[in-house]
Amino acid sequence: MTQTPNTAHPEHLFIVTGSSRGLGAALVAQLLQPGHTVLGMARHQHAGLQAQSPASGVALTQWPVDLAEPLQPAERLAEWLSTFDVS
């Protein structure tokens, strides 16, 4: 999978596992603040959080992944992180 380079330079980047419910979902909800870029990883996406994202001005990305099989998510994460301008 090829991704277009992300020219964004996020002020703060957060990666939250277990983001579809419980503490993970609560943490993502608190992180939906301007200047934040949030990646949520869980077996299922959280529709409510995705709906809140545009109103808060936050770039929320959710990946449906099973971290019991960590190799593919780790490779995808490395590729995703490489798209950010860190200069």
Protein backbone atom coordinates (compact mmCIF):
# COMPACT_ATOMS: atom_id res chain seq x y z
CA MET A 1 0.00 0.00 0.00
CA THR A 2 1.46 3.34 -1.06
CA GLN A 3 0.53 6.48 0.83
CA THR A 4 0.77 10.06 -0.30
CA PRO A 5 3.27 12.01 1.79
CA ASN A 6 1.55 13.92 4.56
CA THR A 7 2.83 17.47 4.54
CA ALA A 8 1.16 18.15 7.86
CA HIS A 9 3.39 18.87 10.78
CA PRO A 10 1.22 17.91 13.75
CA GLU A 11 1.77 19.82 16.93
CA HIS A 12 1.09 16.65 18.92
CA LEU A 13 0.72 13.11 17.61
CA PHE A 14 -1.03 10.47 19.72
CA ILE A 15 -1.39 6.75 19.05
CA VAL A 16 -4.02 5.00 21.16
CA THR A 17 -4.62 1.25 21.18
CA GLY A 18 -7.97 -0.14 22.27
CA SER A 19 -9.61 3.06 21.07
CA SER A 20 -13.08 1.68 20.36
CA ARG A 21 -14.29 1.37 23.94
CA GLY A 22 -13.53 1.89 27.60
CA LEU A 23 -10.42 3.82 28.59
CA GLY A 24 -9.08 3.93 25.05
CA ALA A 25 -12.24 5.59 23.71
CA ALA A 26 -12.31 8.00 26.67
CA LEU A 27 -8.68 8.92 26.05
CA VAL A 28 -9.30 9.59 22.35
CA ALA A 29 -12.33 11.74 23.24
CA GLN A 30 -10.10 13.85 25.51
CA LEU A 31 -7.43 14.13 22.80
CA LEU A 32 -9.84 15.57 20.23
CA GLN A 33 -8.40 19.06 20.57
CA PRO A 34 -7.01 21.45 17.94
CA GLY A 35 -3.36 20.82 17.12
CA HIS A 36 -3.62 17.10 17.82
CA THR A 37 -3.37 14.27 15.33
CA VAL A 38 -4.81 11.05 16.74
CA LEU A 39 -4.48 7.48 15.49
CA GLY A 40 -6.82 5.01 17.14
CA MET A 41 -6.26 1.28 16.74
CA ALA A 42 -8.81 -1.31 17.81
CA ARG A 43 -10.68 -4.29 16.46
CA HIS A 44 -13.58 -2.00 15.57
CA GLN A 45 -13.90 1.67 14.72
CA HIS A 46 -15.79 4.03 17.03
CA ALA A 47 -18.40 5.87 14.93
CA GLY A 48 -19.12 8.41 17.67
CA LEU A 49 -15.49 9.50 17.90
CA GLN A 50 -15.25 9.75 14.12
CA ALA A 51 -18.33 11.99 14.12
CA GLN A 52 -16.79 14.27 16.79
CA SER A 53 -13.52 14.66 14.91
CA PRO A 54 -14.52 17.23 12.24
CA ALA A 55 -16.24 19.49 14.78
CA SER A 56 -13.13 19.53 16.94
CA GLY A 57 -10.78 20.24 14.04
CA VAL A 58 -8.70 17.15 14.79
CA ALA A 59 -7.29 14.68 12.30
CA LEU A 60 -8.59 11.38 13.70
CA THR A 61 -7.56 8.22 11.91
CA GLN A 62 -8.96 4.86 13.02
CA TRP A 63 -7.57 1.52 11.97
CA PRO A 64 -9.47 -1.70 12.54
CA VAL A 65 -6.63 -4.02 13.62
CA ASP A 66 -6.12 -7.02 15.86
CA LEU A 67 -2.92 -6.43 17.80
CA ALA A 68 -2.73 -10.12 18.68
CA GLU A 69 -1.06 -10.27 15.25
CA PRO A 70 1.30 -7.28 15.62
CA LEU A 71 3.57 -7.55 12.57
CA GLN A 72 1.22 -6.11 9.94
CA PRO A 73 0.01 -3.21 12.15
CA ALA A 74 3.64 -2.40 13.04
CA GLU A 75 4.62 -2.25 9.38
CA ARG A 76 1.58 -0.13 8.56
CA LEU A 77 2.37 2.21 11.45
CA ALA A 78 5.96 2.66 10.31
CA GLU A 79 4.77 3.50 6.81
CA TRP A 80 2.12 5.92 8.13
CA LEU A 81 4.59 7.70 10.41
CA SER A 82 7.01 8.13 7.51
CA THR A 83 4.42 10.30 5.71
CA PHE A 84 4.66 13.10 8.28
CA ASP A 85 6.91 16.09 7.81
CA VAL A 86 9.08 16.12 10.91
CA SER A 87 11.47 18.84 9.77
